[in-house]
């Protein structure tokens, strides 16, 4: 529960102390870089994309029963990461950055729900694929592609001025805590390959 403790401590610290000047300089340097690319990447963290992806995963679970536990776990972690981040945004009530680009998001800032979704969905799926019984070429290319997509989404939030670096760190820590709790309480080992064929 180290991730959860770090998440809560960081949230308390940034809401009372603000963003460290050294991080603010990095954020300013990353602002408004490749804005169109950043905007497309940031869409990967919205319901318009996540909803159809979850429906596709449900279809996979219907077709391949041995993937059902992994799909159910991933969707549950996504929802817990996303809704939990929204809850804690209201709890910490940290204002958003004022140097936003393209879209002024009015929700509170800490933690970043996009960062929580990146870890609690895209990077979780990267690890599921990496540990699965899928063909080696799929594990070799799909898992790193999902990791890179996740890093791109994190970068996009800085390029668009939507979050501080500490918001992203908070979202990552929150999702790591959700995954750890989920893995501790479920009886099925979703990060190890099932027995038999898919």
N, C-alpha and C. Protein backbone atom coordinates (compact mmCIF):
# COMPACT_ATOMS: atom_id res chain seq x y z
N UNK A 1 0.80 -1.19 0.00
CA UNK A 1 0.00 0.00 0.00
C UNK A 1 0.86 1.27 0.00
N UNK A 2 2.13 1.04 -0.38
CA UNK A 2 3.05 2.16 -0.48
C UNK A 2 2.58 3.17 -1.52
N UNK A 3 2.05 2.67 -2.66
CA UNK A 3 1.58 3.57 -3.72
C UNK A 3 0.42 4.43 -3.23
N UNK A 4 -0.49 3.84 -2.47
CA UNK A 4 -1.63 4.59 -1.95
C UNK A 4 -1.18 5.67 -0.96
N UNK A 5 -0.25 5.30 -0.09
CA UNK A 5 0.26 6.28 0.87
C UNK A 5 0.98 7.42 0.15
N UNK A 6 1.81 7.09 -0.85
CA UNK A 6 2.52 8.12 -1.61
C UNK A 6 1.55 9.02 -2.35
N UNK A 7 0.48 8.42 -2.89
CA UNK A 7 -0.54 9.18 -3.60
C UNK A 7 -1.21 10.21 -2.67
N UNK A 8 -1.60 9.77 -1.49
CA UNK A 8 -2.26 10.67 -0.54
C UNK A 8 -1.32 11.76 -0.04
N UNK A 9 -0.08 11.39 0.25
CA UNK A 9 0.90 12.38 0.72
C UNK A 9 1.21 13.42 -0.36
N UNK A 10 1.38 12.95 -1.60
CA UNK A 10 1.66 13.88 -2.70
C UNK A 10 0.48 14.83 -2.91
N UNK A 11 -0.74 14.30 -2.85
CA UNK A 11 -1.92 15.14 -3.01
C UNK A 11 -2.00 16.21 -1.94
N UNK A 12 -1.73 15.82 -0.70
CA UNK A 12 -1.75 16.80 0.40
C UNK A 12 -0.67 17.86 0.18
N UNK A 13 0.51 17.41 -0.22
CA UNK A 13 1.64 18.33 -0.38
C UNK A 13 1.39 19.34 -1.49
N UNK A 14 0.96 18.87 -2.67
CA UNK A 14 0.81 19.80 -3.80
C UNK A 14 -0.36 20.76 -3.60
N UNK A 15 -1.39 20.33 -2.88
CA UNK A 15 -2.51 21.24 -2.67
C UNK A 15 -2.16 22.33 -1.65
N UNK A 16 -1.15 22.08 -0.83
CA UNK A 16 -0.75 23.09 0.16
C UNK A 16 0.51 23.86 -0.25
N UNK A 17 1.40 23.20 -1.01
CA UNK A 17 2.67 23.83 -1.37
C UNK A 17 2.74 24.29 -2.82
N UNK A 18 1.87 23.76 -3.66
CA UNK A 18 1.92 24.11 -5.08
C UNK A 18 2.96 23.30 -5.83
N UNK A 19 3.11 23.60 -7.10
CA UNK A 19 4.06 22.88 -7.96
C UNK A 19 5.47 23.40 -7.71
N UNK A 20 6.43 22.50 -7.54
CA UNK A 20 7.82 22.95 -7.35
C UNK A 20 8.29 23.74 -8.57
N UNK A 21 9.02 24.83 -8.36
CA UNK A 21 9.48 25.65 -9.49
C UNK A 21 10.28 24.86 -10.54
N UNK A 22 11.07 23.88 -10.10
CA UNK A 22 11.86 23.10 -11.06
C UNK A 22 10.96 22.31 -12.00
N UNK A 23 9.84 21.79 -11.49
CA UNK A 23 8.89 21.07 -12.34
C UNK A 23 8.11 22.03 -13.22
N UNK A 24 7.81 23.21 -12.70
CA UNK A 24 7.08 24.20 -13.48
C UNK A 24 7.87 24.61 -14.71
N UNK A 25 9.19 24.67 -14.60
CA UNK A 25 10.04 25.01 -15.74
C UNK A 25 9.98 23.92 -16.81
N UNK A 26 9.96 22.67 -16.38
CA UNK A 26 9.84 21.55 -17.34
C UNK A 26 8.48 21.61 -18.03
N UNK A 27 7.44 21.85 -17.26
CA UNK A 27 6.08 21.94 -17.81
C UNK A 27 5.96 23.05 -18.84
N UNK A 28 6.57 24.19 -18.55
CA UNK A 28 6.53 25.32 -19.49
C UNK A 28 7.26 24.97 -20.78
N UNK A 29 8.36 24.23 -20.68
CA UNK A 29 9.11 23.84 -21.88
C UNK A 29 8.35 22.85 -22.75
N UNK A 30 7.49 22.06 -22.15
CA UNK A 30 6.73 21.05 -22.90
C UNK A 30 5.41 21.58 -23.45
N UNK A 31 5.02 22.76 -23.03
CA UNK A 31 3.72 23.31 -23.40
C UNK A 31 3.63 23.63 -24.89
N UNK A 32 2.50 23.25 -25.49
CA UNK A 32 2.17 23.59 -26.88
C UNK A 32 3.18 23.02 -27.87
N UNK A 33 3.61 21.81 -27.64
CA UNK A 33 4.50 21.09 -28.56
C UNK A 33 3.68 20.04 -29.30
N UNK A 34 3.77 20.05 -30.62
CA UNK A 34 3.03 19.07 -31.45
C UNK A 34 1.58 18.98 -30.98
N UNK A 35 0.92 20.10 -30.96
CA UNK A 35 -0.39 20.21 -30.34
C UNK A 35 -1.43 19.29 -30.96
N UNK A 36 -1.43 19.17 -32.27
CA UNK A 36 -2.43 18.31 -32.92
C UNK A 36 -2.23 16.85 -32.50
N UNK A 37 -0.99 16.40 -32.48
CA UNK A 37 -0.69 15.03 -32.04
C UNK A 37 -1.12 14.85 -30.58
N UNK A 38 -0.81 15.85 -29.76
CA UNK A 38 -1.19 15.78 -28.34
C UNK A 38 -2.70 15.69 -28.19
N UNK A 39 -3.43 16.44 -29.00
CA UNK A 39 -4.89 16.43 -28.90
C UNK A 39 -5.44 15.06 -29.27
N UNK A 40 -4.90 14.44 -30.33
CA UNK A 40 -5.37 13.10 -30.72
C UNK A 40 -5.02 12.07 -29.64
N UNK A 41 -3.84 12.18 -29.07
CA UNK A 41 -3.46 11.24 -28.01
C UNK A 41 -4.33 11.41 -26.78
N UNK A 42 -4.63 12.65 -26.44
CA UNK A 42 -5.42 12.88 -25.23
C UNK A 42 -6.83 12.30 -25.37
N UNK A 43 -7.33 12.22 -26.61
CA UNK A 43 -8.65 11.62 -26.84
C UNK A 43 -8.69 10.15 -26.43
N UNK A 44 -7.55 9.49 -26.40
CA UNK A 44 -7.50 8.07 -26.02
C UNK A 44 -7.89 7.87 -24.56
N UNK A 45 -7.97 8.94 -23.79
CA UNK A 45 -8.38 8.85 -22.39
C UNK A 45 -9.80 9.29 -22.15
N UNK A 46 -10.57 9.51 -23.21
CA UNK A 46 -11.96 9.93 -23.08
C UNK A 46 -12.91 8.76 -23.33
N UNK A 47 -14.12 8.91 -22.83
CA UNK A 47 -15.13 7.84 -22.94
C UNK A 47 -15.45 7.49 -24.39
N UNK A 48 -15.31 8.45 -25.31
CA UNK A 48 -15.60 8.19 -26.72
C UNK A 48 -14.74 7.06 -27.28
N UNK A 49 -13.53 6.92 -26.75
CA UNK A 49 -12.61 5.87 -27.20
C UNK A 49 -12.69 4.68 -26.25
N UNK A 50 -12.70 4.93 -24.95
CA UNK A 50 -12.66 3.85 -23.97
C UNK A 50 -13.92 2.99 -24.01
N UNK A 51 -15.08 3.60 -24.26
CA UNK A 51 -16.32 2.83 -24.33
C UNK A 51 -16.28 1.77 -25.42
N UNK A 52 -15.98 2.14 -26.68
CA UNK A 52 -15.87 1.13 -27.73
C UNK A 52 -14.78 0.09 -27.48
N UNK A 53 -13.66 0.52 -26.88
CA UNK A 53 -12.61 -0.45 -26.56
C UNK A 53 -13.10 -1.49 -25.56
N UNK A 54 -13.84 -1.04 -24.56
CA UNK A 54 -14.38 -1.98 -23.57
C UNK A 54 -15.40 -2.92 -24.20
N UNK A 55 -16.22 -2.40 -25.10
CA UNK A 55 -17.18 -3.27 -25.81
C UNK A 55 -16.44 -4.31 -26.64
N UNK A 56 -15.36 -3.91 -27.29
CA UNK A 56 -14.56 -4.87 -28.07
C UNK A 56 -13.96 -5.93 -27.16
N UNK A 57 -13.50 -5.52 -25.98
CA UNK A 57 -12.94 -6.49 -25.03
C UNK A 57 -14.01 -7.46 -24.53
N UNK A 58 -15.21 -6.96 -24.32
CA UNK A 58 -16.31 -7.84 -23.90
C UNK A 58 -16.59 -8.87 -24.99
N UNK A 59 -16.54 -8.43 -26.25
CA UNK A 59 -16.73 -9.36 -27.37
C UNK A 59 -15.64 -10.42 -27.37
N UNK A 60 -14.40 -10.03 -27.09
CA UNK A 60 -13.30 -11.00 -26.98
C UNK A 60 -13.58 -11.99 -25.87
N UNK A 61 -14.06 -11.49 -24.73
CA UNK A 61 -14.34 -12.37 -23.59
C UNK A 61 -15.45 -13.35 -23.90
N UNK A 62 -16.44 -12.93 -24.68
CA UNK A 62 -17.52 -13.85 -25.08
C UNK A 62 -16.98 -14.92 -26.01
N UNK A 63 -16.13 -14.53 -26.93
CA UNK A 63 -15.59 -15.48 -27.92
C UNK A 63 -14.53 -16.41 -27.34
N UNK A 64 -13.72 -15.89 -26.42
CA UNK A 64 -12.61 -16.66 -25.84
C UNK A 64 -12.78 -16.70 -24.32
N UNK A 65 -13.48 -17.70 -23.79
CA UNK A 65 -13.80 -17.75 -22.36
C UNK A 65 -12.59 -17.64 -21.42
N UNK A 66 -11.44 -18.14 -21.84
CA UNK A 66 -10.28 -18.11 -20.95
C UNK A 66 -9.70 -16.71 -20.79
N UNK A 67 -10.20 -15.76 -21.55
CA UNK A 67 -9.79 -14.37 -21.39
C UNK A 67 -10.79 -13.58 -20.55
N UNK A 68 -11.85 -14.21 -20.10
CA UNK A 68 -12.91 -13.48 -19.39
C UNK A 68 -12.42 -12.85 -18.10
N UNK A 69 -11.64 -13.58 -17.33
CA UNK A 69 -11.17 -13.02 -16.06
C UNK A 69 -10.28 -11.81 -16.30
N UNK A 70 -9.43 -11.88 -17.31
CA UNK A 70 -8.54 -10.76 -17.61
C UNK A 70 -9.33 -9.54 -18.09
N UNK A 71 -10.31 -9.77 -18.95
CA UNK A 71 -11.13 -8.67 -19.45
C UNK A 71 -11.93 -8.05 -18.31
N UNK A 72 -12.54 -8.88 -17.49
CA UNK A 72 -13.33 -8.37 -16.36
C UNK A 72 -12.44 -7.58 -15.40
N UNK A 73 -11.27 -8.10 -15.12
CA UNK A 73 -10.34 -7.40 -14.22
C UNK A 73 -9.92 -6.06 -14.81
N UNK A 74 -9.57 -6.05 -16.09
CA UNK A 74 -9.10 -4.82 -16.73
C UNK A 74 -10.20 -3.75 -16.75
N UNK A 75 -11.42 -4.15 -17.04
CA UNK A 75 -12.50 -3.17 -17.07
C UNK A 75 -12.80 -2.66 -15.66
N UNK A 76 -12.77 -3.56 -14.67
CA UNK A 76 -12.99 -3.14 -13.28
C UNK A 76 -11.90 -2.16 -12.82
N UNK A 77 -10.64 -2.46 -13.17
CA UNK A 77 -9.53 -1.56 -12.79
C UNK A 77 -9.67 -0.23 -13.51
N UNK A 78 -10.05 -0.26 -14.79
CA UNK A 78 -10.26 0.99 -15.52
C UNK A 78 -11.30 1.86 -14.80
N UNK A 79 -12.44 1.28 -14.47
CA UNK A 79 -13.51 2.04 -13.83
C UNK A 79 -13.08 2.55 -12.45
N UNK A 80 -12.42 1.70 -11.67
CA UNK A 80 -11.97 2.12 -10.34
C UNK A 80 -10.91 3.22 -10.43
N UNK A 81 -10.00 3.09 -11.38
CA UNK A 81 -8.96 4.10 -11.56
C UNK A 81 -9.56 5.43 -11.98
N UNK A 82 -10.46 5.38 -12.94
CA UNK A 82 -11.08 6.57 -13.52
C UNK A 82 -12.00 7.26 -12.51
N UNK A 83 -12.95 6.49 -11.96
CA UNK A 83 -13.91 7.08 -11.02
C UNK A 83 -13.23 7.50 -9.72
N UNK A 84 -12.25 6.71 -9.29
CA UNK A 84 -11.50 7.08 -8.09
C UNK A 84 -10.72 8.37 -8.28
N UNK A 85 -10.10 8.53 -9.45
CA UNK A 85 -9.38 9.77 -9.73
C UNK A 85 -10.34 10.96 -9.71
N UNK A 86 -11.51 10.79 -10.30
CA UNK A 86 -12.50 11.87 -10.26
C UNK A 86 -12.92 12.21 -8.83
N UNK A 87 -13.11 11.18 -8.02
CA UNK A 87 -13.47 11.41 -6.62
C UNK A 87 -12.38 12.20 -5.90
N UNK A 88 -11.13 11.78 -6.07
CA UNK A 88 -10.04 12.45 -5.36
C UNK A 88 -9.78 13.85 -5.91
N UNK A 89 -10.10 14.09 -7.19
CA UNK A 89 -10.00 15.46 -7.70
C UNK A 89 -10.88 16.40 -6.89
N UNK A 90 -12.08 15.95 -6.58
CA UNK A 90 -12.98 16.78 -5.77
C UNK A 90 -12.51 16.88 -4.31
N UNK A 91 -11.90 15.84 -3.83
CA UNK A 91 -11.41 15.84 -2.45
C UNK A 91 -10.24 16.82 -2.29
N UNK A 92 -9.27 16.75 -3.21
CA UNK A 92 -8.10 17.63 -3.10
C UNK A 92 -8.38 19.03 -3.65
N UNK A 93 -9.28 19.13 -4.63
CA UNK A 93 -9.73 20.43 -5.19
C UNK A 93 -8.58 21.32 -5.62
N UNK A 94 -7.60 20.74 -6.28
CA UNK A 94 -6.48 21.53 -6.80
C UNK A 94 -6.89 22.18 -8.12
N UNK A 95 -6.74 23.49 -8.24
CA UNK A 95 -7.14 24.16 -9.50
C UNK A 95 -6.27 23.72 -10.68
N UNK A 96 -6.86 23.79 -11.86
CA UNK A 96 -6.14 23.46 -13.09
C UNK A 96 -5.13 24.55 -13.43
N UNK A 97 -4.20 24.18 -14.31
CA UNK A 97 -3.26 25.16 -14.87
C UNK A 97 -4.04 26.21 -15.66
N UNK A 98 -3.46 27.39 -15.76
CA UNK A 98 -4.10 28.47 -16.49
C UNK A 98 -3.52 28.65 -17.90
N UNK A 99 -2.43 27.95 -18.21
CA UNK A 99 -1.78 28.09 -19.53
C UNK A 99 -2.20 26.98 -20.48
N UNK A 100 -3.48 26.62 -20.42
CA UNK A 100 -4.01 25.52 -21.22
C UNK A 100 -3.97 25.85 -22.72
N UNK A 101 -3.97 24.76 -23.53
CA UNK A 101 -3.97 24.87 -24.99
C UNK A 101 -5.13 24.03 -25.51
N UNK A 102 -5.84 24.51 -26.50
CA UNK A 102 -6.95 23.85 -27.20
C UNK A 102 -8.22 23.84 -26.37
N UNK A 103 -8.19 23.19 -25.20
CA UNK A 103 -9.42 23.03 -24.42
C UNK A 103 -9.17 23.36 -22.96
N UNK A 104 -10.00 24.25 -22.42
CA UNK A 104 -9.89 24.58 -21.01
C UNK A 104 -10.73 23.59 -20.21
N UNK A 105 -10.05 22.68 -19.54
CA UNK A 105 -10.76 21.69 -18.74
C UNK A 105 -11.03 22.29 -17.36
N UNK A 106 -12.25 22.19 -16.93
CA UNK A 106 -12.66 22.89 -15.71
C UNK A 106 -12.70 22.00 -14.48
N UNK A 107 -12.52 20.69 -14.64
CA UNK A 107 -12.47 19.81 -13.47
C UNK A 107 -11.21 20.12 -12.67
N UNK A 108 -11.19 19.64 -11.44
CA UNK A 108 -9.99 19.83 -10.62
C UNK A 108 -8.83 19.02 -11.20
N UNK A 109 -7.64 19.27 -10.67
CA UNK A 109 -6.41 18.84 -11.34
C UNK A 109 -5.75 17.58 -10.77
N UNK A 110 -5.73 17.42 -9.45
CA UNK A 110 -5.01 16.28 -8.84
C UNK A 110 -5.99 15.24 -8.33
N UNK A 111 -5.80 13.99 -8.73
CA UNK A 111 -4.83 13.43 -9.67
C UNK A 111 -5.36 13.49 -11.10
N UNK A 112 -4.48 13.28 -12.06
CA UNK A 112 -4.89 13.24 -13.46
C UNK A 112 -5.65 11.94 -13.73
N UNK A 113 -6.90 12.06 -14.17
CA UNK A 113 -7.65 10.84 -14.52
C UNK A 113 -7.06 10.20 -15.77
N UNK A 114 -6.49 11.01 -16.68
CA UNK A 114 -5.84 10.42 -17.86
C UNK A 114 -4.66 9.54 -17.43
N UNK A 115 -3.87 10.01 -16.47
CA UNK A 115 -2.74 9.22 -16.00
C UNK A 115 -3.20 7.93 -15.33
N UNK A 116 -4.28 8.02 -14.57
CA UNK A 116 -4.83 6.82 -13.94
C UNK A 116 -5.32 5.83 -15.00
N UNK A 117 -5.94 6.34 -16.06
CA UNK A 117 -6.43 5.48 -17.14
C UNK A 117 -5.26 4.87 -17.90
N UNK A 118 -4.19 5.65 -18.11
CA UNK A 118 -3.02 5.12 -18.82
C UNK A 118 -2.50 3.87 -18.11
N UNK A 119 -2.30 3.97 -16.80
CA UNK A 119 -1.74 2.85 -16.05
C UNK A 119 -2.79 1.77 -15.80
N UNK A 120 -4.01 2.20 -15.45
CA UNK A 120 -5.07 1.26 -15.09
C UNK A 120 -5.74 0.59 -16.27
N UNK A 121 -5.38 0.97 -17.48
CA UNK A 121 -5.97 0.33 -18.66
C UNK A 121 -4.90 -0.01 -19.70
N UNK A 122 -4.31 1.01 -20.32
CA UNK A 122 -3.37 0.74 -21.41
C UNK A 122 -2.13 -0.02 -20.96
N UNK A 123 -1.51 0.43 -19.88
CA UNK A 123 -0.29 -0.26 -19.43
C UNK A 123 -0.62 -1.58 -18.73
N UNK A 124 -1.79 -1.65 -18.12
CA UNK A 124 -2.23 -2.94 -17.58
C UNK A 124 -2.39 -3.95 -18.71
N UNK A 125 -3.01 -3.52 -19.81
CA UNK A 125 -3.15 -4.42 -20.96
C UNK A 125 -1.81 -4.78 -21.57
N UNK A 126 -0.86 -3.86 -21.54
CA UNK A 126 0.48 -4.18 -22.01
C UNK A 126 1.06 -5.34 -21.21
N UNK A 127 0.87 -5.28 -19.90
CA UNK A 127 1.40 -6.36 -19.04
C UNK A 127 0.62 -7.65 -19.22
N UNK A 128 -0.70 -7.56 -19.40
CA UNK A 128 -1.50 -8.76 -19.64
C UNK A 128 -1.04 -9.44 -20.93
N UNK A 129 -0.85 -8.66 -21.98
CA UNK A 129 -0.39 -9.21 -23.26
C UNK A 129 1.00 -9.80 -23.10
N UNK A 130 1.88 -9.08 -22.42
CA UNK A 130 3.26 -9.53 -22.23
C UNK A 130 3.32 -10.89 -21.53
N UNK A 131 2.40 -11.14 -20.60
CA UNK A 131 2.41 -12.38 -19.83
C UNK A 131 1.46 -13.43 -20.38
N UNK A 132 0.84 -13.17 -21.50
CA UNK A 132 -0.17 -14.08 -22.03
C UNK A 132 0.45 -15.19 -22.87
N UNK A 133 -0.44 -16.06 -23.36
CA UNK A 133 -0.01 -17.15 -24.23
C UNK A 133 -0.16 -16.78 -25.71
N UNK A 134 -0.33 -15.51 -25.98
CA UNK A 134 -0.40 -15.05 -27.37
C UNK A 134 0.91 -15.36 -28.08
N UNK A 135 0.90 -15.39 -29.41
CA UNK A 135 2.15 -15.66 -30.15
C UNK A 135 3.26 -14.69 -29.76
N UNK A 136 4.49 -15.17 -29.79
CA UNK A 136 5.62 -14.32 -29.36
C UNK A 136 5.69 -12.98 -30.08
N UNK A 137 5.40 -12.96 -31.39
CA UNK A 137 5.48 -11.69 -32.12
C UNK A 137 4.46 -10.68 -31.60
N UNK A 138 3.30 -11.16 -31.17
CA UNK A 138 2.29 -10.25 -30.62
C UNK A 138 2.76 -9.69 -29.28
N UNK A 139 3.29 -10.58 -28.45
CA UNK A 139 3.79 -10.11 -27.16
C UNK A 139 4.95 -9.13 -27.34
N UNK A 140 5.78 -9.38 -28.34
CA UNK A 140 6.96 -8.55 -28.58
C UNK A 140 6.60 -7.15 -29.07
N UNK A 141 5.53 -7.04 -29.86
CA UNK A 141 5.21 -5.75 -30.47
C UNK A 141 3.99 -5.05 -29.86
N UNK A 142 2.97 -5.80 -29.49
CA UNK A 142 1.75 -5.18 -28.98
C UNK A 142 1.98 -4.58 -27.59
N UNK A 143 2.65 -5.31 -26.72
CA UNK A 143 2.87 -4.80 -25.36
C UNK A 143 3.67 -3.49 -25.36
N UNK A 144 4.82 -3.42 -26.06
CA UNK A 144 5.53 -2.14 -26.10
C UNK A 144 4.73 -1.02 -26.78
N UNK A 145 3.92 -1.38 -27.78
CA UNK A 145 3.10 -0.36 -28.44
C UNK A 145 2.10 0.24 -27.46
N UNK A 146 1.51 -0.59 -26.61
CA UNK A 146 0.58 -0.08 -25.59
C UNK A 146 1.31 0.79 -24.57
N UNK A 147 2.52 0.38 -24.19
CA UNK A 147 3.31 1.20 -23.27
C UNK A 147 3.63 2.56 -23.88
N UNK A 148 4.03 2.57 -25.16
CA UNK A 148 4.35 3.83 -25.84
C UNK A 148 3.12 4.72 -25.98
N UNK A 149 1.98 4.09 -26.26
CA UNK A 149 0.73 4.84 -26.33
C UNK A 149 0.45 5.51 -24.98
N UNK A 150 0.63 4.76 -23.91
CA UNK A 150 0.42 5.32 -22.58
C UNK A 150 1.34 6.50 -22.29
N UNK A 151 2.62 6.36 -22.64
CA UNK A 151 3.56 7.47 -22.44
C UNK A 151 3.17 8.68 -23.28
N UNK A 152 2.68 8.41 -24.50
CA UNK A 152 2.23 9.50 -25.36
C UNK A 152 1.04 10.24 -24.76
N UNK A 153 0.13 9.51 -24.17
CA UNK A 153 -1.03 10.16 -23.54
C UNK A 153 -0.58 11.01 -22.36
N UNK A 154 0.35 10.50 -21.56
CA UNK A 154 0.87 11.30 -20.44
C UNK A 154 1.52 12.58 -20.96
N UNK A 155 2.34 12.46 -21.99
CA UNK A 155 2.98 13.64 -22.57
C UNK A 155 1.94 14.64 -23.07
N UNK A 156 0.87 14.12 -23.68
CA UNK A 156 -0.14 15.01 -24.26
C UNK A 156 -0.78 15.92 -23.21
N UNK A 157 -0.91 15.43 -21.99
CA UNK A 157 -1.53 16.25 -20.95
C UNK A 157 -0.65 17.44 -20.56
N UNK A 158 0.66 17.26 -20.71
CA UNK A 158 1.59 18.37 -20.45
C UNK A 158 1.63 19.31 -21.63
N UNK A 159 1.64 18.76 -22.84
CA UNK A 159 1.68 19.59 -24.04
C UNK A 159 0.45 20.49 -24.15
N UNK A 160 -0.69 19.97 -23.70
CA UNK A 160 -1.93 20.74 -23.75
C UNK A 160 -2.14 21.64 -22.53
N UNK A 161 -1.22 21.59 -21.59
CA UNK A 161 -1.35 22.40 -20.38
C UNK A 161 -2.51 21.98 -19.51
N UNK A 162 -2.90 20.72 -19.61
CA UNK A 162 -4.07 20.24 -18.86
C UNK A 162 -3.72 19.82 -17.44
N UNK A 163 -2.45 19.50 -17.19
CA UNK A 163 -2.06 18.99 -15.87
C UNK A 163 -0.64 19.41 -15.53
N UNK A 164 -0.36 19.36 -14.24
CA UNK A 164 1.00 19.48 -13.74
C UNK A 164 1.64 18.09 -13.73
N UNK A 165 2.97 18.06 -13.68
CA UNK A 165 3.67 16.77 -13.58
C UNK A 165 3.24 16.02 -12.32
N UNK A 166 3.02 16.72 -11.23
CA UNK A 166 2.62 16.05 -10.00
C UNK A 166 1.21 15.45 -10.12
N UNK A 167 0.36 16.05 -10.94
CA UNK A 167 -0.96 15.46 -11.20
C UNK A 167 -0.80 14.11 -11.89
N UNK A 168 0.11 14.06 -12.87
CA UNK A 168 0.35 12.81 -13.58
C UNK A 168 0.91 11.76 -12.62
N UNK A 169 1.86 12.18 -11.79
CA UNK A 169 2.42 11.24 -10.81
C UNK A 169 1.33 10.71 -9.88
N UNK A 170 0.42 11.58 -9.47
CA UNK A 170 -0.68 11.15 -8.61
C UNK A 170 -1.59 10.16 -9.30
N UNK A 171 -1.91 10.40 -10.57
CA UNK A 171 -2.74 9.46 -11.31
C UNK A 171 -2.09 8.10 -11.45
N UNK A 172 -0.79 8.11 -11.72
CA UNK A 172 -0.04 6.85 -11.83
C UNK A 172 -0.07 6.10 -10.51
N UNK A 173 0.22 6.80 -9.42
CA UNK A 173 0.24 6.16 -8.10
C UNK A 173 -1.14 5.60 -7.74
N UNK A 174 -2.19 6.35 -8.04
CA UNK A 174 -3.54 5.87 -7.74
C UNK A 174 -3.85 4.59 -8.50
N UNK A 175 -3.54 4.55 -9.79
CA UNK A 175 -3.83 3.35 -10.58
C UNK A 175 -2.99 2.15 -10.12
N UNK A 176 -1.73 2.40 -9.77
CA UNK A 176 -0.89 1.31 -9.24
C UNK A 176 -1.52 0.74 -7.97
N UNK A 177 -2.02 1.62 -7.10
CA UNK A 177 -2.68 1.16 -5.87
C UNK A 177 -3.92 0.34 -6.19
N UNK A 178 -4.72 0.79 -7.16
CA UNK A 178 -5.94 0.05 -7.55
C UNK A 178 -5.58 -1.33 -8.08
N UNK A 179 -4.57 -1.40 -8.94
CA UNK A 179 -4.16 -2.70 -9.50
C UNK A 179 -3.66 -3.62 -8.39
N UNK A 180 -2.85 -3.08 -7.48
CA UNK A 180 -2.31 -3.90 -6.40
C UNK A 180 -3.42 -4.44 -5.50
N UNK A 181 -4.39 -3.60 -5.19
CA UNK A 181 -5.52 -4.06 -4.37
C UNK A 181 -6.31 -5.12 -5.12
N UNK A 182 -6.56 -4.87 -6.40
CA UNK A 182 -7.30 -5.84 -7.21
C UNK A 182 -6.62 -7.19 -7.27
N UNK A 183 -5.31 -7.18 -7.50
CA UNK A 183 -4.57 -8.44 -7.57
C UNK A 183 -4.54 -9.17 -6.23
N UNK A 184 -4.60 -8.39 -5.14
CA UNK A 184 -4.56 -9.00 -3.81
C UNK A 184 -5.88 -9.66 -3.43
N UNK A 185 -7.00 -9.15 -3.96
CA UNK A 185 -8.29 -9.65 -3.49
C UNK A 185 -8.96 -10.66 -4.43
N UNK A 186 -8.54 -10.70 -5.70
CA UNK A 186 -9.21 -11.66 -6.59
C UNK A 186 -8.50 -13.00 -6.56
N UNK A 187 -9.26 -14.09 -6.66
CA UNK A 187 -8.64 -15.41 -6.60
C UNK A 187 -7.96 -15.81 -7.90
N UNK A 188 -8.40 -15.27 -9.04
CA UNK A 188 -7.85 -15.65 -10.34
C UNK A 188 -6.57 -14.89 -10.61
N UNK A 189 -5.57 -15.57 -11.13
CA UNK A 189 -4.30 -14.93 -11.48
C UNK A 189 -4.40 -14.37 -12.90
N UNK A 190 -4.81 -13.12 -13.02
CA UNK A 190 -5.06 -12.54 -14.34
C UNK A 190 -3.77 -12.16 -15.07
N UNK A 191 -2.67 -12.09 -14.36
CA UNK A 191 -1.41 -11.73 -15.01
C UNK A 191 -0.54 -12.94 -15.31
N UNK A 192 -1.12 -14.13 -15.24
CA UNK A 192 -0.40 -15.32 -15.69
C UNK A 192 -1.26 -16.02 -16.71
N UNK A 193 -0.66 -16.70 -17.69
CA UNK A 193 -1.45 -17.31 -18.75
C UNK A 193 -2.35 -18.42 -18.25
N UNK A 194 -3.57 -18.50 -18.79
CA UNK A 194 -4.46 -19.59 -18.40
C UNK A 194 -3.97 -20.91 -18.97
N UNK A 195 -4.42 -21.99 -18.38
CA UNK A 195 -4.08 -23.31 -18.88
C UNK A 195 -4.86 -23.61 -20.13
N UNK A 196 -4.23 -24.24 -21.10
CA UNK A 196 -4.94 -24.63 -22.32
C UNK A 196 -4.93 -23.51 -23.34
N UNK A 197 -5.62 -23.71 -24.42
CA UNK A 197 -5.66 -22.76 -25.52
C UNK A 197 -6.76 -21.74 -25.29
N UNK A 198 -6.63 -20.58 -25.99
CA UNK A 198 -7.64 -19.54 -25.90
C UNK A 198 -8.82 -19.89 -26.76
